[in-house]
Protein backbone atom coordinates (compact mmCIF):
# COMPACT_ATOMS: atom_id res chain seq x y z
CA UNK A 1 -10.59 217.02 -29.94
CA UNK A 2 -12.59 217.78 -27.14
CA UNK A 3 -16.36 217.51 -28.11
CA UNK A 4 -18.52 220.37 -27.18
CA UNK A 5 -22.16 220.45 -25.54
CA UNK A 6 -23.02 222.55 -29.22
CA UNK A 7 -21.00 219.79 -31.70
CA UNK A 8 -23.12 216.91 -29.65
CA UNK A 9 -26.52 218.49 -29.92
CA UNK A 10 -25.65 219.11 -33.67
CA UNK A 11 -24.86 215.39 -34.16
CA UNK A 12 -28.32 214.59 -32.59
CA UNK A 13 -30.36 216.63 -34.38
CA UNK A 14 -28.61 215.66 -37.73
CA UNK A 15 -29.44 212.09 -36.84
CA UNK A 16 -32.89 212.39 -35.91
CA UNK A 17 -33.50 214.65 -39.25
CA UNK A 18 -32.23 211.32 -41.21
CA UNK A 19 -34.04 208.63 -39.32
CA UNK A 20 -36.83 206.83 -41.45
CA UNK A 21 -38.05 204.52 -39.12
CA UNK A 22 -39.04 203.61 -35.67
CA UNK A 23 -35.71 201.52 -34.61
CA UNK A 24 -33.92 204.42 -36.07
CA UNK A 25 -35.66 206.69 -34.22
CA UNK A 26 -34.86 204.57 -31.19
CA UNK A 27 -31.13 204.48 -31.73
CA UNK A 28 -31.16 208.22 -32.05
CA UNK A 29 -32.55 208.76 -28.82
CA UNK A 30 -30.29 206.11 -27.19
CA UNK A 31 -27.25 208.09 -29.07
CA UNK A 32 -28.70 211.56 -27.45
CA UNK A 33 -28.98 209.84 -24.38
CA UNK A 34 -25.15 209.05 -24.40
CA UNK A 35 -24.20 212.38 -25.98
CA UNK A 36 -26.19 214.24 -23.85
CA UNK A 37 -24.45 212.23 -20.67
CA UNK A 38 -21.28 212.83 -22.58
CA UNK A 39 -21.60 216.48 -22.50
CA UNK A 40 -22.11 216.49 -18.66
CA UNK A 41 -19.06 214.16 -18.47
CA UNK A 42 -16.64 216.65 -20.16
CA UNK A 43 -18.10 219.75 -18.38
CA UNK A 44 -17.34 217.78 -15.05
CA UNK A 45 -13.84 217.08 -16.12
CA UNK A 46 -13.49 220.27 -17.24
CA UNK A 47 -14.36 221.44 -13.58
CA UNK A 48 -11.69 218.96 -11.82
CA UNK A 49 -8.92 219.98 -13.98
CA UNK A 50 -9.71 223.90 -13.50
CA UNK A 51 -8.42 222.85 -10.05
CA UNK A 52 -5.95 225.88 -8.96
CA UNK A 53 -3.17 223.27 -7.58
CA UNK A 54 -2.65 222.66 -11.44
CA UNK A 55 -1.67 225.98 -11.86
CA UNK A 56 1.47 226.13 -13.73
CA UNK A 57 1.88 222.14 -14.44
CA UNK A 58 1.42 220.38 -17.42
CA UNK A 59 -1.67 217.71 -17.16
CA UNK A 60 -3.58 216.14 -19.68
CA UNK A 61 -6.26 213.58 -20.23
CA UNK A 62 -7.94 211.35 -22.56
CA UNK A 63 -11.00 209.25 -22.68
CA UNK A 64 -12.32 206.99 -24.92
CA UNK A 65 -15.41 204.76 -25.55
CA UNK A 66 -14.11 201.28 -24.59
CA UNK A 67 -16.04 199.81 -27.48
CA UNK A 68 -15.82 202.33 -30.45
CA UNK A 69 -12.43 203.96 -29.62
CA UNK A 70 -14.31 207.29 -30.10
CA UNK A 71 -12.65 210.19 -28.19
CA UNK A 72 -15.04 211.56 -25.64
CA UNK A 73 -12.62 213.85 -23.75
CA UNK A 74 -9.37 215.02 -24.52
CA UNK A 75 -7.34 217.97 -22.50
CA UNK A 76 -3.44 218.37 -23.68
CA UNK A 77 -3.81 214.94 -24.51
CA UNK A 78 -1.14 215.26 -27.22
CA UNK A 79 1.28 217.32 -24.94
CA UNK A 80 4.76 214.76 -24.03
CA UNK A 81 4.74 214.21 -20.58
CA UNK A 82 7.11 212.12 -17.86
CA UNK A 83 5.11 209.15 -17.34
CA UNK A 84 6.64 207.26 -14.20
CA UNK A 85 5.14 203.85 -13.94
CA UNK A 86 2.52 204.46 -16.48
CA UNK A 87 5.51 203.43 -18.92
CA UNK A 88 4.91 199.84 -17.34
CA UNK A 89 1.59 199.95 -19.57
CA UNK A 90 4.14 200.10 -22.57
CA UNK A 91 6.45 197.54 -21.67
CA UNK A 92 4.15 194.97 -20.55
CA UNK A 93 1.90 195.08 -23.45
CA UNK A 94 4.99 195.14 -25.76
CA UNK A 95 6.11 192.13 -23.54
CA UNK A 96 3.19 189.90 -24.13
CA UNK A 97 3.39 190.58 -27.98
CA UNK A 98 7.05 189.85 -28.20
CA UNK A 99 7.69 187.33 -25.77
CA UNK A 100 3.82 185.74 -25.13
CA UNK A 101 1.82 184.89 -22.26
CA UNK A 102 3.75 181.46 -22.27
CA UNK A 103 7.13 182.96 -21.84
CA UNK A 104 9.53 181.54 -19.21
CA UNK A 105 13.13 182.43 -18.04
CA UNK A 106 15.41 179.32 -17.67
CA UNK A 107 18.34 179.00 -14.93
CA UNK A 108 20.43 176.08 -15.84
CA UNK A 109 23.27 174.14 -13.96
CA UNK A 110 25.76 172.61 -16.73
CA UNK A 111 29.29 171.08 -16.29
CA UNK A 112 32.17 170.97 -18.56
CA UNK A 113 34.89 168.37 -18.71
CA UNK A 114 34.53 164.79 -17.93
CA UNK A 115 32.50 163.34 -15.20
CA UNK A 116 33.25 160.01 -13.54
CA UNK A 117 30.46 158.64 -11.16
CA UNK A 118 29.80 161.76 -9.17
CA UNK A 119 33.22 163.61 -9.57
CA UNK A 120 32.99 166.34 -12.34
CA UNK A 121 36.93 167.14 -13.41
CA UNK A 122 35.98 170.62 -14.74
CA UNK A 123 33.55 173.26 -14.05
CA UNK A 124 30.15 173.86 -12.87
CA UNK A 125 28.27 176.59 -14.61
CA UNK A 126 25.19 178.53 -13.71
CA UNK A 127 23.84 180.07 -16.31
CA UNK A 128 20.84 182.76 -15.83
CA UNK A 129 18.16 184.49 -17.98
CA UNK A 130 17.13 187.01 -15.95
CA UNK A 131 14.44 185.15 -13.88
CA UNK A 132 13.03 187.64 -11.11
CA UNK A 133 11.61 184.91 -9.32
CA UNK A 134 14.58 183.06 -8.19
CA UNK A 135 14.38 183.49 -4.58
CA UNK A 136 16.80 181.42 -1.67
CA UNK A 137 14.41 178.64 -1.88
CA UNK A 138 14.38 178.49 -5.52
CA UNK A 139 17.96 178.28 -5.66
CA UNK A 140 18.15 175.78 -2.88
CA UNK A 141 15.98 173.57 -5.11
CA UNK A 142 17.95 174.30 -8.06
CA UNK A 143 21.37 172.84 -5.83
CA UNK A 144 19.47 170.14 -4.76
CA UNK A 145 18.83 168.70 -8.33
CA UNK A 146 22.38 169.04 -9.10
CA UNK A 147 22.89 166.77 -6.31
CA UNK A 148 20.00 164.32 -7.03
CA UNK A 149 21.62 164.27 -10.43
CA UNK A 150 24.48 162.36 -8.76
CA UNK A 151 27.05 165.48 -8.94
CA UNK A 152 28.84 165.47 -5.53
CA UNK A 153 32.32 166.96 -6.49
CA UNK A 154 33.62 169.49 -9.18
CA UNK A 155 37.33 169.96 -9.29
CA UNK A 156 37.32 173.10 -11.24
CA UNK A 157 35.40 176.34 -10.67
CA UNK A 158 31.87 177.32 -9.93
CA UNK A 159 31.15 179.71 -12.75
CA UNK A 160 28.51 182.74 -12.75
CA UNK A 161 27.22 183.35 -16.66
CA UNK A 162 25.16 186.49 -16.70
CA UNK A 163 26.07 186.80 -20.35
CA UNK A 164 22.39 186.50 -21.42
CA UNK A 165 22.38 190.22 -21.11
CA UNK A 166 24.89 193.18 -21.38
CA UNK A 167 26.55 194.41 -18.39
CA UNK A 168 25.09 197.77 -17.89
CA UNK A 169 23.53 197.27 -14.61
CA UNK A 170 21.47 200.85 -14.54
CA UNK A 171 19.09 202.45 -16.73
CA UNK A 172 19.64 206.12 -18.39
CA UNK A 173 19.04 208.98 -16.16
CA UNK A 174 18.44 206.86 -13.06
CA UNK A 175 19.22 208.85 -9.91
CA UNK A 176 22.29 207.96 -8.36
CA UNK A 177 20.20 209.42 -4.72
CA UNK A 178 18.44 206.18 -5.18
CA UNK A 179 20.99 203.50 -5.87
CA UNK A 180 20.66 201.48 -2.43
CA UNK A 181 16.80 201.34 -2.84
CA UNK A 182 15.64 198.17 -3.91
CA UNK A 183 13.26 199.72 -6.69
CA UNK A 184 16.57 200.69 -8.31
CA UNK A 185 18.50 197.53 -8.05
CA UNK A 186 20.67 197.01 -10.89
CA UNK A 187 20.04 194.58 -13.69
CA UNK A 188 21.53 191.34 -14.12
CA UNK A 189 20.91 187.97 -16.17
CA UNK A 190 21.51 186.01 -13.02
CA UNK A 191 20.00 187.38 -10.17
CA UNK A 192 18.18 186.79 -6.65
CA UNK A 193 14.84 187.64 -5.33
CA UNK A 194 14.74 189.10 -1.69
CA UNK A 195 11.08 187.77 -1.13
CA UNK A 196 8.08 186.51 -2.79
CA UNK A 197 6.99 189.83 -4.09
CA UNK A 198 9.99 188.82 -6.79
CA UNK A 199 12.04 191.92 -5.73
CA UNK A 200 15.44 190.95 -7.68
CA UNK A 201 18.89 192.29 -7.13
CA UNK A 202 18.23 193.02 -3.54
CA UNK A 203 18.30 191.85 0.47
CA UNK A 204 15.27 191.64 3.06
CA UNK A 205 16.48 192.71 6.18
CA UNK A 206 14.01 192.28 9.09
CA UNK A 207 14.61 193.97 12.56
CA UNK A 208 13.49 192.51 15.54
CA UNK A 209 14.27 193.23 19.39
CA UNK A 210 16.77 191.93 21.55
CA UNK A 211 16.19 189.75 24.78
CA UNK A 212 15.35 193.41 26.87
CA UNK A 213 15.56 197.06 26.11
CA UNK A 214 19.23 198.33 25.96
CA UNK A 215 20.17 195.17 24.26
CA UNK A 216 21.53 194.50 20.56
CA UNK A 217 18.58 194.01 18.38
CA UNK A 218 18.15 191.01 16.07
CA UNK A 219 18.48 191.16 12.31
CA UNK A 220 17.20 188.36 9.85
CA UNK A 221 18.23 188.68 6.44
CA UNK A 222 17.09 187.28 3.14
CA UNK A 223 18.62 185.49 1.15
CA UNK A 224 20.79 184.49 3.63
CA UNK A 225 24.50 184.71 2.11
CA UNK A 226 27.67 184.97 2.81
CA UNK A 227 28.65 187.61 0.08
CA UNK A 228 27.42 190.85 1.61
CA UNK A 229 28.33 191.77 4.68
CA UNK A 230 25.88 192.98 7.62
CA UNK A 231 26.99 195.58 10.08
CA UNK A 232 23.99 195.54 13.09
CA UNK A 233 24.36 198.68 15.16
CA UNK A 234 20.29 198.45 16.19
CA UNK A 235 19.21 198.47 19.90
CA UNK A 236 15.92 197.72 21.41
CA UNK A 237 13.77 200.37 22.69
CA UNK A 238 11.34 200.03 25.26
CA UNK A 239 8.01 198.39 24.56
CA UNK A 240 5.68 201.06 22.68
CA UNK A 241 8.43 203.38 21.02
CA UNK A 242 8.88 203.94 17.38
CA UNK A 243 11.00 201.93 15.31
CA UNK A 244 13.47 203.97 13.68
CA UNK A 245 15.97 201.00 11.80
CA UNK A 246 17.08 201.94 8.44
CA UNK A 247 19.69 200.23 6.45
CA UNK A 248 22.06 202.07 4.14
CA UNK A 249 24.90 200.91 1.84
CA UNK A 250 27.73 203.28 0.75
CA UNK A 251 28.00 204.08 -2.90
CA UNK A 252 30.14 201.08 -4.49
CA UNK A 253 30.18 199.13 -0.98
CA UNK A 254 29.10 195.66 -0.30
CA UNK A 255 28.36 196.42 3.43
CA UNK A 256 25.00 196.98 4.63
CA UNK A 257 24.94 199.33 8.01
CA UNK A 258 21.46 198.63 10.04
CA UNK A 259 21.07 201.50 12.60
CA UNK A 260 18.07 202.58 14.95
CA UNK A 261 16.00 201.14 17.44
CA UNK A 262 13.36 198.51 17.30
CA UNK A 263 11.01 198.43 20.08
CA UNK A 264 10.17 195.45 22.68
CA UNK A 265 6.63 193.55 21.83
CA UNK A 266 6.74 194.44 18.50
CA UNK A 267 3.41 194.31 16.73
CA UNK A 268 4.21 194.11 13.19
CA UNK A 269 7.72 193.11 11.85
CA UNK A 270 9.51 195.99 9.92
CA UNK A 271 11.20 195.34 6.96
CA UNK A 272 14.42 197.10 5.00
CA UNK A 273 14.80 196.45 1.20
CA UNK A 274 18.01 197.31 0.12
CA UNK A 275 19.67 196.65 -3.60
CA UNK A 276 23.05 194.89 -3.79
CA UNK A 277 25.61 196.17 -6.11
CA UNK A 278 26.24 193.44 -8.14
CA UNK A 279 23.30 190.65 -8.15
CA UNK A 280 25.50 188.20 -10.19
CA UNK A 281 27.72 187.98 -7.16
CA UNK A 282 25.19 187.41 -4.54
CA UNK A 283 23.18 185.03 -6.83
CA UNK A 284 26.37 182.87 -7.33
CA UNK A 285 26.89 183.07 -3.67
CA UNK A 286 23.64 181.80 -2.85
CA UNK A 287 23.81 179.02 -5.03
CA UNK A 288 27.49 178.08 -3.76
CA UNK A 289 25.91 177.68 -0.37
CA UNK A 290 22.85 175.80 -1.27
CA UNK A 291 25.21 173.33 -3.05
CA UNK A 292 27.16 173.03 0.12
CA UNK A 293 24.05 172.38 2.13
CA UNK A 294 23.17 169.45 -0.31
CA UNK A 295 26.79 167.76 -0.16
CA UNK A 296 27.94 169.03 -3.44
CA UNK A 297 31.96 169.99 -3.01
CA UNK A 298 33.24 172.95 -5.47
CA UNK A 299 36.81 173.07 -5.23
CA UNK A 300 37.90 175.55 -7.17
CA UNK A 301 37.07 179.67 -6.92
CA UNK A 302 33.95 181.39 -7.63
CA UNK A 303 34.33 183.46 -10.78
CA UNK A 304 32.17 184.70 -13.86
CA UNK A 305 32.17 183.56 -17.62
CA UNK A 306 30.12 182.04 -20.40
CA UNK A 307 29.27 178.07 -20.76
CA UNK A 308 30.85 176.72 -23.48
CA UNK A 309 28.49 174.85 -26.16
CA UNK A 310 29.85 171.81 -25.42
CA UNK A 311 28.79 171.66 -21.44
CA UNK A 312 26.38 169.05 -20.33
CA UNK A 313 23.14 170.10 -18.68
CA UNK A 314 22.49 168.85 -15.09
CA UNK A 315 19.53 170.81 -14.16
CA UNK A 316 16.97 173.38 -16.42
CA UNK A 317 14.69 175.26 -13.96
CA UNK A 318 11.95 176.94 -15.94
CA UNK A 319 10.16 180.10 -14.14
CA UNK A 320 6.68 180.61 -13.95
CA UNK A 321 5.05 182.00 -17.31
CA UNK A 322 4.93 185.90 -18.13
CA UNK A 323 1.04 185.84 -17.58
CA UNK A 324 1.63 184.63 -13.98
CA UNK A 325 4.44 186.76 -13.33
CA UNK A 326 2.33 189.98 -14.43
CA UNK A 327 0.28 190.67 -10.97
CA UNK A 328 3.40 191.14 -9.07
CA UNK A 329 5.05 193.35 -11.98
CA UNK A 330 2.07 195.51 -12.47
CA UNK A 331 0.27 195.83 -9.19
CA UNK A 332 3.29 196.15 -7.53
CA UNK A 333 4.81 198.34 -10.02
CA UNK A 334 7.86 196.11 -9.83
CA UNK A 335 10.98 198.35 -11.87
CA UNK A 336 13.25 195.00 -11.86
CA UNK A 337 10.67 193.40 -13.76
CA UNK A 338 10.28 195.67 -16.29
CA UNK A 339 13.88 196.29 -17.08
CA UNK A 340 14.25 192.59 -17.08
CA UNK A 341 11.53 192.11 -19.55
CA UNK A 342 12.55 194.91 -21.92
CA UNK A 343 16.50 193.05 -21.98
CA UNK A 344 14.81 189.56 -22.78
CA UNK A 345 12.41 191.58 -25.75
CA UNK A 346 15.87 192.60 -27.22
CA UNK A 347 17.33 189.09 -27.16
CA UNK A 348 14.58 187.63 -28.41
CA UNK A 349 14.49 189.66 -31.16
CA UNK A 350 18.10 189.61 -31.76
CA UNK A 351 19.35 185.68 -30.72
CA UNK A 352 22.81 185.56 -30.34
CA UNK A 353 23.31 188.98 -28.91
CA UNK A 354 23.11 190.16 -25.22
CA UNK A 355 20.07 191.50 -24.41
CA UNK A 356 20.30 195.17 -23.83
CA UNK A 357 18.28 198.40 -23.25
CA UNK A 358 18.60 199.69 -26.70
CA UNK A 359 17.93 196.53 -28.68
CA UNK A 360 15.09 195.82 -25.88
CA UNK A 361 13.51 199.54 -26.24
CA UNK A 362 13.46 198.72 -29.98
CA UNK A 363 11.75 195.71 -29.85
CA UNK A 364 8.98 197.42 -27.48
CA UNK A 365 8.92 200.39 -29.68
CA UNK A 366 8.28 197.88 -32.94
CA UNK A 367 5.72 196.09 -31.02
CA UNK A 368 3.77 199.19 -29.86
CA UNK A 369 3.85 200.51 -33.38
CA UNK A 370 1.99 197.14 -34.53
CA UNK A 371 -0.65 198.01 -31.74
CA UNK A 372 -1.39 201.48 -32.94
CA UNK A 373 0.77 203.66 -30.92
CA UNK A 374 2.13 206.34 -32.79
CA UNK A 375 5.42 206.00 -31.81
CA UNK A 376 6.87 209.19 -33.41
CA UNK A 377 5.12 210.95 -30.42
CA UNK A 378 6.78 208.63 -27.64
CA UNK A 379 10.49 208.28 -26.67
CA UNK A 380 11.57 205.55 -24.14
CA UNK A 381 14.32 205.66 -22.09
CA UNK A 382 13.60 202.51 -19.74
CA UNK A 383 11.07 199.97 -19.19
CA UNK A 384 9.68 200.68 -16.18
CA UNK A 385 9.63 204.70 -15.92
CA UNK A 386 12.29 205.61 -13.66
CA UNK A 387 14.27 207.47 -16.35
CA UNK A 388 13.60 211.10 -16.94
CA UNK A 389 13.72 210.53 -20.78
CA UNK A 390 10.94 208.81 -20.91
CA UNK A 391 7.84 210.96 -23.07
CA UNK A 392 4.57 209.87 -23.46
CA UNK A 393 1.29 211.40 -24.27
CA UNK A 394 -2.22 210.66 -22.99
CA UNK A 395 -3.55 210.38 -26.09
CA UNK A 396 -1.01 207.36 -27.28
CA UNK A 397 -1.41 205.72 -23.60
CA UNK A 398 -5.24 205.83 -24.03
CA UNK A 399 -4.73 204.75 -27.77
CA UNK A 400 -2.58 201.57 -26.45
CA UNK A 401 -5.32 200.97 -23.87
CA UNK A 402 -7.79 200.78 -26.49
CA UNK A 403 -6.03 198.51 -28.87
CA UNK A 404 -4.99 196.01 -26.07
CA UNK A 405 -8.64 195.40 -25.92
CA UNK A 406 -8.48 193.12 -28.95
CA UNK A 407 -5.53 191.23 -28.22
CA UNK A 408 -5.46 187.66 -27.19
CA UNK A 409 -3.69 188.27 -23.71
CA UNK A 410 -5.85 191.16 -22.80
CA UNK A 411 -7.86 189.29 -20.04
CA UNK A 412 -4.73 188.28 -18.52
CA UNK A 413 -3.14 191.80 -18.50
CA UNK A 414 -6.26 193.48 -17.36
CA UNK A 415 -6.91 191.05 -14.36
CA UNK A 416 -3.17 191.78 -13.61
CA UNK A 417 -3.75 196.17 -13.33
CA UNK A 418 -4.22 197.05 -9.72
CA UNK A 419 -7.70 197.36 -9.00
CA UNK A 420 -9.08 200.52 -7.28
CA UNK A 421 -10.17 200.11 -3.56
CA UNK A 422 -9.57 196.29 -2.76
CA UNK A 423 -7.54 196.02 0.31
CA UNK A 424 -5.80 192.74 -0.73
CA UNK A 425 -2.38 193.59 -2.13
CA UNK A 426 -2.24 191.33 -4.58
CA UNK A 427 -5.44 192.54 -6.05
CA UNK A 428 -5.68 196.19 -5.08
CA UNK A 429 -2.09 196.50 -5.43
CA UNK A 430 -0.99 200.51 -5.56
CA UNK A 431 -4.62 201.43 -5.70
CA UNK A 432 -5.55 199.48 -2.60
CA UNK A 433 -5.94 202.49 -0.41
CA UNK A 434 -7.31 205.02 -3.35
CA UNK A 435 -10.89 205.82 -4.48
CA UNK A 436 -12.32 203.50 -1.68
CA UNK A 437 -15.87 204.16 -0.80
CA UNK A 438 -16.59 205.82 -4.30
CA UNK A 439 -18.38 204.36 -7.66
CA UNK A 440 -14.59 203.65 -8.83
CA UNK A 441 -13.91 201.22 -6.03
CA UNK A 442 -13.69 197.55 -7.15
CA UNK A 443 -14.49 198.93 -10.55
CA UNK A 444 -11.35 200.71 -12.19
CA UNK A 445 -8.37 198.51 -13.43
CA UNK A 446 -5.55 201.13 -13.68
CA UNK A 447 -2.04 201.95 -13.71
CA UNK A 448 -0.34 204.22 -11.63
CA UNK A 449 2.64 206.33 -12.15
CA UNK A 450 4.24 208.36 -9.02
CA UNK A 451 7.73 210.42 -8.87
CA UNK A 452 8.26 213.89 -7.36
CA UNK A 453 6.35 216.16 -9.94
CA UNK A 454 4.71 213.17 -11.71
CA UNK A 455 1.51 211.77 -10.84
CA UNK A 456 -0.12 209.59 -13.62
CA UNK A 457 -3.32 207.27 -13.81
CA UNK A 458 -4.35 205.47 -16.68
CA UNK A 459 -6.68 202.52 -17.34
CA UNK A 460 -10.22 201.15 -17.78
CA UNK A 461 -13.61 201.80 -15.53
CA UNK A 462 -16.86 201.41 -16.55
CA UNK A 463 -19.57 204.16 -15.59
CA UNK A 464 -23.33 203.64 -14.71
CA UNK A 465 -24.44 202.11 -17.79
CA UNK A 466 -21.78 199.42 -18.02
CA UNK A 467 -20.05 201.19 -20.58
CA UNK A 468 -16.32 200.73 -20.42
CA UNK A 469 -14.18 204.04 -20.76
CA UNK A 470 -10.89 204.20 -21.45
CA UNK A 471 -8.70 206.83 -19.86
CA UNK A 472 -5.29 208.01 -19.30
CA UNK A 473 -4.29 211.13 -17.15
CA UNK A 474 -0.61 212.51 -16.62
CA UNK A 475 0.45 215.57 -14.45
CA UNK A 476 3.74 217.17 -14.64
CA UNK A 477 5.29 219.82 -12.61
CA UNK A 478 2.82 220.26 -10.05
CA UNK A 479 4.23 221.91 -6.81
CA UNK A 480 2.91 219.07 -4.89
CA UNK A 481 1.22 215.78 -5.53
CA UNK A 482 -2.46 215.82 -7.57
CA UNK A 483 -2.78 212.18 -7.52
CA UNK A 484 -6.00 213.23 -5.44
CA UNK A 485 -7.37 214.83 -8.41
CA UNK A 486 -6.76 212.37 -10.86
CA UNK A 487 -8.49 210.40 -8.80
CA UNK A 488 -11.35 212.68 -8.90
CA UNK A 489 -11.36 212.55 -12.63
CA UNK A 490 -11.47 209.08 -12.57
CA UNK A 491 -14.47 208.89 -9.96
CA UNK A 492 -16.12 211.26 -12.31
CA UNK A 493 -16.03 208.82 -15.27
CA UNK A 494 -17.63 205.94 -13.09
CA UNK A 495 -20.04 208.39 -11.72
CA UNK A 496 -21.18 209.39 -15.51
CA UNK A 497 -23.91 208.02 -17.30
CA UNK A 498 -27.56 208.46 -18.62
CA UNK A 499 -29.54 210.92 -16.56
CA UNK A 500 -26.49 212.38 -15.00
CA UNK A 501 -26.53 216.43 -15.48
CA UNK A 502 -23.17 218.48 -15.43
CA UNK A 503 -25.16 220.22 -12.48
CA UNK A 504 -25.86 216.73 -10.68
CA UNK A 505 -22.79 215.21 -11.53
CA UNK A 506 -20.54 217.92 -10.06
CA UNK A 507 -22.85 218.14 -6.98
CA UNK A 508 -22.30 214.40 -6.39
CA UNK A 509 -18.77 214.68 -7.16
CA UNK A 510 -18.17 217.42 -4.52
CA UNK A 511 -20.16 215.04 -2.15
CA UNK A 512 -17.34 212.31 -2.48
CA UNK A 513 -14.37 212.14 -0.36
CA UNK A 514 -11.42 211.33 -2.30
CA UNK A 515 -8.94 210.93 0.24
CA UNK A 516 -5.44 211.57 -0.73
CA UNK A 517 -2.79 208.70 -0.46
CA UNK A 518 1.10 210.07 -0.62
CA UNK A 519 3.98 207.94 0.10
CA UNK A 520 7.64 209.60 0.38
CA UNK A 521 10.51 208.43 0.79
CA UNK A 522 13.52 210.99 2.04
CA UNK A 523 11.30 214.00 1.01
CA UNK A 524 10.53 212.20 -2.43
CA UNK A 525 7.28 211.07 -3.87
CA UNK A 526 7.33 207.57 -4.75
CA UNK A 527 4.93 204.61 -5.53
CA UNK A 528 3.36 203.02 -2.23
CA UNK A 529 4.68 199.86 -3.33
CA UNK A 530 8.35 200.84 -3.43
CA UNK A 531 8.04 201.44 0.65
CA UNK A 532 7.32 198.36 2.57
CA UNK A 533 3.83 198.18 4.04
CA UNK A 534 3.09 201.73 2.80
CA UNK A 535 0.16 200.55 0.50
């Protein structure tokens, strides 16, 4: 419920009337100052959300006092809206509850059959549990550990075991048009990351100029592999020309075609990230190549299957902890991490059964209910917010943010959120170019959400008095990006406090430059972290 100035004034007068001591009178004066400044904030936010660009949209916001949980401002806060990547607030908090900050993914190499000296008469199994941090280097280290363990020859097959999760690769309502983008990569228990940002199930393709203008361009592919076919149709352009290189993969195809021009004397390398259709196949292919480099020969074919219970462990690679993974997950709005954690929650809550979206979302919902979220008011179709079947309310997002402050994992979670205006990509994340030069810069910790027709911003910000304000703002169905309007509302929170009348606040807010930062891909608005170097 929005508190009006009249209600705030009545509360203040009533409090004064009942005060019987100097201490009580002092407390009332402080409360009166708070309610007066909150009334100014309410009037200012009303003005922000009166922007004509929001006409016809569904836009809601809730603001709470971080210490008491008291609702200071509520505007359409109970309206269900598509949250886009604000869904990751729900998923990450639930994962911390279900799995814990110390949770680790494991990737294990085992063999079946008999071992005689350095020879295994049987199969070599690679068992994955969905580790999103398994890069080319990690697979190389895993192969080196197999060799160090004394295994040099395997007479049977190399078996990829991705049975820790089910084999449903894509989430509900994910767009087929986005199939080849790395942020829509298929989900598998055995996967490989393209880069140190842990963009899983994808390849990174860096285009470089050839020896001279008109010559073929040069491509560097990570992870290097013999599974995916790369067709290089790039050419070298004149120095100073535009880099027009694009990489595409046809539906269902394992061939990536790279076209366009790369200029001579390229100042900044251009990277294309492309999802592969079968992450398991790519991962086991990268591992097989690594085994060969380290002198381990596997005579049989590469196949898939479950590891026998009697298999012998050669090496077990544990990932970084969930607490350490959170920054790349939240600051870079990594969709793959959200979905892998969702399936991991499902596996944890139903041991012995393959982790799935259905079991994972059930585990997530139960954890959120325990955190005080009214789960009857929300629905979740996936863990990342890509699905248009995700429906949250700003009020329930704010409820989660408020409750999270009391959890033992809160400090880790809070630090992992993007910080407005911080230029370091692994600190500012998707907010590094937003609200710069405002009172919210280096102050606001929040999560963005961006899809065409959806803008969201929720998190924590301190006002002028140092009071923590918890807020959630989500807009659906505006005809163009309104992220700057949500930023303006957040800056209003950071600018509020004692001595700030509504007139003064609105005057100050109108003088602050809120620079829009809109990133599109093929005409669709997306999170800036989903376009290399766009943040």
